[in-house]
Protein backbone atom coordinates (compact mmCIF):
# COMPACT_ATOMS: atom_id res chain seq x y z
CA UNK A 1 -27.25 -89.47 97.53
CA UNK A 2 -28.30 -92.43 99.46
CA UNK A 3 -31.92 -90.99 99.88
CA UNK A 4 -32.26 -90.24 96.11
CA UNK A 5 -30.99 -93.55 94.66
CA UNK A 6 -34.19 -94.39 96.20
CA UNK A 7 -37.06 -92.31 95.02
CA UNK A 8 -39.18 -92.52 91.99
CA UNK A 9 -39.65 -89.40 90.62
CA UNK A 10 -35.94 -88.91 88.56
CA UNK A 11 -38.44 -89.28 85.53
CA UNK A 12 -42.08 -87.94 85.44
CA UNK A 13 -44.95 -87.74 82.90
CA UNK A 14 -48.26 -85.84 82.91
CA UNK A 15 -50.84 -86.64 81.00
CA UNK A 16 -54.27 -85.08 81.33
CA UNK A 17 -56.68 -86.27 84.00
CA UNK A 18 -59.82 -87.06 81.96
CA UNK A 19 -57.80 -89.44 79.91
CA UNK A 20 -56.92 -91.50 82.76
CA UNK A 21 -60.22 -92.08 83.75
CA UNK A 22 -60.72 -94.14 80.65
CA UNK A 23 -57.97 -96.81 81.84
CA UNK A 24 -59.31 -100.13 82.46
CA UNK A 25 -57.84 -102.61 84.82
CA UNK A 26 -56.06 -105.01 82.21
CA UNK A 27 -54.10 -101.59 81.81
CA UNK A 28 -52.74 -101.84 85.60
CA UNK A 29 -52.64 -106.08 85.51
CA UNK A 30 -50.77 -105.68 82.98
CA UNK A 31 -48.12 -103.01 84.75
CA UNK A 32 -47.48 -104.58 87.74
CA UNK A 33 -47.26 -108.35 86.34
CA UNK A 34 -44.18 -109.80 86.52
CA UNK A 35 -43.86 -110.45 83.52
CA UNK A 36 -44.68 -106.71 81.52
CA UNK A 37 -41.82 -105.84 79.25
CA UNK A 38 -40.42 -102.21 78.53
CA UNK A 39 -42.85 -101.58 76.26
CA UNK A 40 -45.86 -102.44 78.29
CA UNK A 41 -44.73 -101.00 81.20
CA UNK A 42 -43.40 -97.62 79.36
CA UNK A 43 -46.82 -97.28 77.71
CA UNK A 44 -48.49 -97.63 81.23
CA UNK A 45 -46.06 -94.67 82.32
CA UNK A 46 -47.21 -92.43 79.18
CA UNK A 47 -50.52 -92.47 79.97
CA UNK A 48 -51.33 -92.87 83.69
CA UNK A 49 -48.75 -89.61 84.79
CA UNK A 50 -45.83 -92.29 85.34
CA UNK A 51 -42.78 -91.82 87.56
CA UNK A 52 -39.63 -93.91 87.37
CA UNK A 53 -36.43 -93.87 89.09
CA UNK A 54 -33.38 -96.71 89.57
CA UNK A 55 -35.16 -99.21 90.95
CA UNK A 56 -39.48 -98.68 91.04
CA UNK A 57 -41.81 -97.41 88.77
CA UNK A 58 -45.02 -95.96 89.64
CA UNK A 59 -48.63 -94.91 87.82
CA UNK A 60 -51.59 -92.81 89.21
CA UNK A 61 -55.48 -94.59 88.27
CA UNK A 62 -58.19 -93.89 89.61
CA UNK A 63 -58.68 -96.30 92.72
CA UNK A 64 -61.80 -97.99 91.49
CA UNK A 65 -61.10 -98.73 87.80
CA UNK A 66 -64.31 -100.04 86.77
CA UNK A 67 -66.08 -98.67 83.74
CA UNK A 68 -69.10 -96.80 85.75
CA UNK A 69 -66.61 -95.08 88.00
CA UNK A 70 -67.28 -91.35 88.57
CA UNK A 71 -65.60 -88.82 87.34
CA UNK A 72 -64.48 -87.44 90.83
CA UNK A 73 -63.21 -91.01 91.79
CA UNK A 74 -60.15 -90.91 94.32
CA UNK A 75 -56.64 -91.27 92.49
CA UNK A 76 -53.90 -94.05 93.83
CA UNK A 77 -49.96 -94.94 92.95
CA UNK A 78 -49.40 -98.11 92.22
CA UNK A 79 -45.67 -99.10 92.25
CA UNK A 80 -43.63 -101.77 91.48
CA UNK A 81 -39.85 -102.43 91.92
CA UNK A 82 -37.40 -103.63 89.59
CA UNK A 83 -36.71 -107.34 89.91
CA UNK A 84 -33.22 -108.13 89.25
CA UNK A 85 -33.51 -109.94 86.59
CA UNK A 86 -34.98 -106.33 85.04
CA UNK A 87 -32.29 -104.51 85.81
CA UNK A 88 -29.85 -106.67 84.18
CA UNK A 89 -32.21 -107.84 81.49
CA UNK A 90 -31.33 -107.20 77.35
CA UNK A 91 -32.98 -104.04 75.60
CA UNK A 92 -33.87 -104.52 72.18
CA UNK A 93 -33.60 -102.39 68.88
CA UNK A 94 -37.48 -102.14 68.73
CA UNK A 95 -38.62 -102.42 72.27
CA UNK A 96 -41.21 -105.25 73.22
CA UNK A 97 -40.18 -107.15 70.30
CA UNK A 98 -37.87 -109.74 71.06
CA UNK A 99 -36.86 -110.39 67.41
CA UNK A 100 -35.23 -107.18 66.52
CA UNK A 101 -32.27 -107.81 68.45
CA UNK A 102 -30.15 -106.43 70.78
CA UNK A 103 -29.83 -102.61 71.61
CA UNK A 104 -25.82 -102.53 73.34
CA UNK A 105 -26.13 -98.77 74.30
CA UNK A 106 -29.29 -98.87 75.80
CA UNK A 107 -28.62 -102.19 77.25
CA UNK A 108 -25.28 -101.01 78.83
CA UNK A 109 -26.74 -97.95 80.07
CA UNK A 110 -29.83 -99.70 81.99
CA UNK A 111 -26.81 -102.04 83.77
CA UNK A 112 -24.53 -99.61 84.87
CA UNK A 113 -26.93 -97.02 85.84
CA UNK A 114 -27.98 -100.02 88.26
CA UNK A 115 -24.11 -100.71 89.36
CA UNK A 116 -22.78 -97.45 89.74
CA UNK A 117 -24.71 -96.12 92.64
CA UNK A 118 -23.29 -98.85 94.69
CA UNK A 119 -19.67 -98.34 93.30
CA UNK A 120 -20.22 -94.76 94.04
CA UNK A 121 -21.05 -95.55 98.18
CA UNK A 122 -18.70 -98.22 98.55
CA UNK A 123 -16.25 -95.71 97.71
CA UNK A 124 -17.63 -93.26 99.91
CA UNK A 125 -17.99 -95.58 102.87
CA UNK A 126 -15.24 -96.88 102.12
CA UNK A 127 -13.06 -93.42 102.69
CA UNK A 128 -15.30 -92.82 105.69
CA UNK A 129 -12.85 -95.72 106.90
CA UNK A 130 -10.04 -94.35 105.60
CA UNK A 131 -10.75 -90.97 107.50
CA UNK A 132 -11.31 -92.52 110.89
CA UNK A 133 -8.05 -94.27 110.27
CA UNK A 134 -6.55 -90.27 109.57
CA UNK A 135 -7.68 -89.30 112.76
CA UNK A 136 -6.44 -92.15 114.78
CA UNK A 137 -3.08 -91.96 112.87
CA UNK A 138 -2.86 -88.28 112.75
CA UNK A 139 -1.37 -89.04 109.52
CA UNK A 140 -2.24 -86.83 106.51
CA UNK A 141 -1.62 -89.10 103.26
CA UNK A 142 -4.89 -91.85 104.51
CA UNK A 143 -6.67 -87.98 104.33
CA UNK A 144 -5.35 -87.26 101.16
CA UNK A 145 -6.67 -91.03 100.14
CA UNK A 146 -10.05 -90.09 101.49
CA UNK A 147 -10.64 -87.11 99.13
CA UNK A 148 -9.28 -88.87 96.05
CA UNK A 149 -11.87 -91.55 97.32
CA UNK A 150 -15.03 -89.19 97.62
CA UNK A 151 -13.83 -87.28 94.22
CA UNK A 152 -14.24 -90.87 92.40
CA UNK A 153 -17.63 -91.60 93.73
CA UNK A 154 -18.76 -87.94 92.57
CA UNK A 155 -17.78 -88.82 89.40
CA UNK A 156 -19.69 -92.57 89.57
CA UNK A 157 -22.51 -90.30 90.82
CA UNK A 158 -22.23 -87.98 87.85
CA UNK A 159 -21.61 -91.18 85.15
CA UNK A 160 -25.45 -92.81 86.58
CA UNK A 161 -27.03 -89.21 86.13
CA UNK A 162 -25.69 -89.13 82.58
CA UNK A 163 -26.53 -92.86 81.85
CA UNK A 164 -29.59 -92.09 83.08
CA UNK A 165 -30.51 -89.46 81.10
CA UNK A 166 -28.81 -91.03 77.97
CA UNK A 167 -30.97 -94.25 78.38
CA UNK A 168 -34.51 -92.78 78.39
CA UNK A 169 -33.83 -90.35 75.76
CA UNK A 170 -32.80 -92.86 73.58
CA UNK A 171 -36.00 -94.97 74.71
CA UNK A 172 -37.44 -91.93 73.72
CA UNK A 173 -36.26 -92.36 70.22
CA UNK A 174 -37.39 -95.48 70.13
CA UNK A 175 -41.01 -94.80 71.62
CA UNK A 176 -42.10 -91.18 71.05
CA UNK A 177 -44.48 -89.70 73.31
CA UNK A 178 -48.14 -89.58 72.16
CA UNK A 179 -50.08 -86.40 71.62
CA UNK A 180 -50.49 -84.89 74.56
CA UNK A 181 -48.09 -86.35 77.01
CA UNK A 182 -45.31 -84.32 78.74
CA UNK A 183 -42.32 -85.19 80.44
CA UNK A 184 -40.53 -83.29 83.15
CA UNK A 185 -38.74 -80.75 80.29
CA UNK A 186 -42.32 -80.23 78.65
CA UNK A 187 -43.68 -79.76 81.76
CA UNK A 188 -41.81 -76.91 83.11
CA UNK A 189 -41.73 -75.16 79.40
CA UNK A 190 -45.37 -74.67 79.60
CA UNK A 191 -45.16 -73.64 83.42
CA UNK A 192 -42.84 -71.06 82.45
CA UNK A 193 -45.16 -69.81 79.57
CA UNK A 194 -48.09 -69.54 81.49
CA UNK A 195 -46.22 -67.78 84.41
CA UNK A 196 -43.54 -65.05 85.26
CA UNK A 197 -40.62 -65.19 87.60
CA UNK A 198 -40.36 -62.98 90.69
CA UNK A 199 -36.85 -61.24 92.08
CA UNK A 200 -36.89 -64.11 94.64
CA UNK A 201 -36.56 -66.76 91.74
CA UNK A 202 -40.08 -68.02 92.66
CA UNK A 203 -43.10 -68.09 89.85
CA UNK A 204 -46.55 -66.62 89.87
CA UNK A 205 -49.56 -66.72 87.24
CA UNK A 206 -50.72 -63.74 86.00
CA UNK A 207 -53.28 -63.50 88.76
CA UNK A 208 -50.30 -63.53 91.05
CA UNK A 209 -50.50 -66.45 92.41
CA UNK A 210 -47.78 -69.05 93.55
CA UNK A 211 -48.55 -72.44 92.10
CA UNK A 212 -47.70 -75.48 93.41
CA UNK A 213 -43.97 -77.24 94.07
CA UNK A 214 -42.72 -77.53 90.25
CA UNK A 215 -41.28 -81.22 90.72
CA UNK A 216 -38.87 -80.68 87.71
CA UNK A 217 -37.06 -77.55 89.88
CA UNK A 218 -34.74 -80.33 91.38
CA UNK A 219 -33.01 -81.75 88.38
CA UNK A 220 -33.01 -78.82 85.56
CA UNK A 221 -31.58 -75.01 85.83
CA UNK A 222 -34.60 -72.48 86.35
CA UNK A 223 -34.92 -69.95 82.62
CA UNK A 224 -36.05 -66.69 82.85
CA UNK A 225 -38.68 -66.26 80.06
CA UNK A 226 -38.23 -63.83 77.28
CA UNK A 227 -39.84 -60.23 79.00
């Protein structure tokens, strides 16, 4: 859990590579700027094969973003961490429009997804200390307390994931995905439609080749296509 919290791949967007090569330096500068609002960096995530986690957001752009860059320009990843003020900032009914009013649902979901990991990790650490005391005292009651604390930590983790998913879905209602852009779920469905599943659960294309690792399989259950 501690490792997954720090990753940047909680949600992914997939955009055709030919559109990425047309992006200018302005989009990159706006994305990494400390003054970037929600709409600014979300548009960049849509257009630049972005990935976003709890604490960081990343985009994939050509290493050389000048207009005369060759088509085979090498790609690089630009990441920036959410500041503490970003984690507690208000979400607006119209992202990027400060005059549209506060969206309370998205605001509190955003704050909870930042706070719940600390609560969960704290409960697990406290439970571990009580477990050591249980071993030293050779008593059953501290062991029961350890189990209860770990159970509460699991509930906090489920709440964290629920807040994150709900926040992303509400954001997509405000800012629909542009044409040609696919999120993690859409990408997996398209892969399933193009391939077949083998008996051991791996997916191969019609030529029998195994594609690259499916990054969405960590978060979504596999579904066999209709034969």
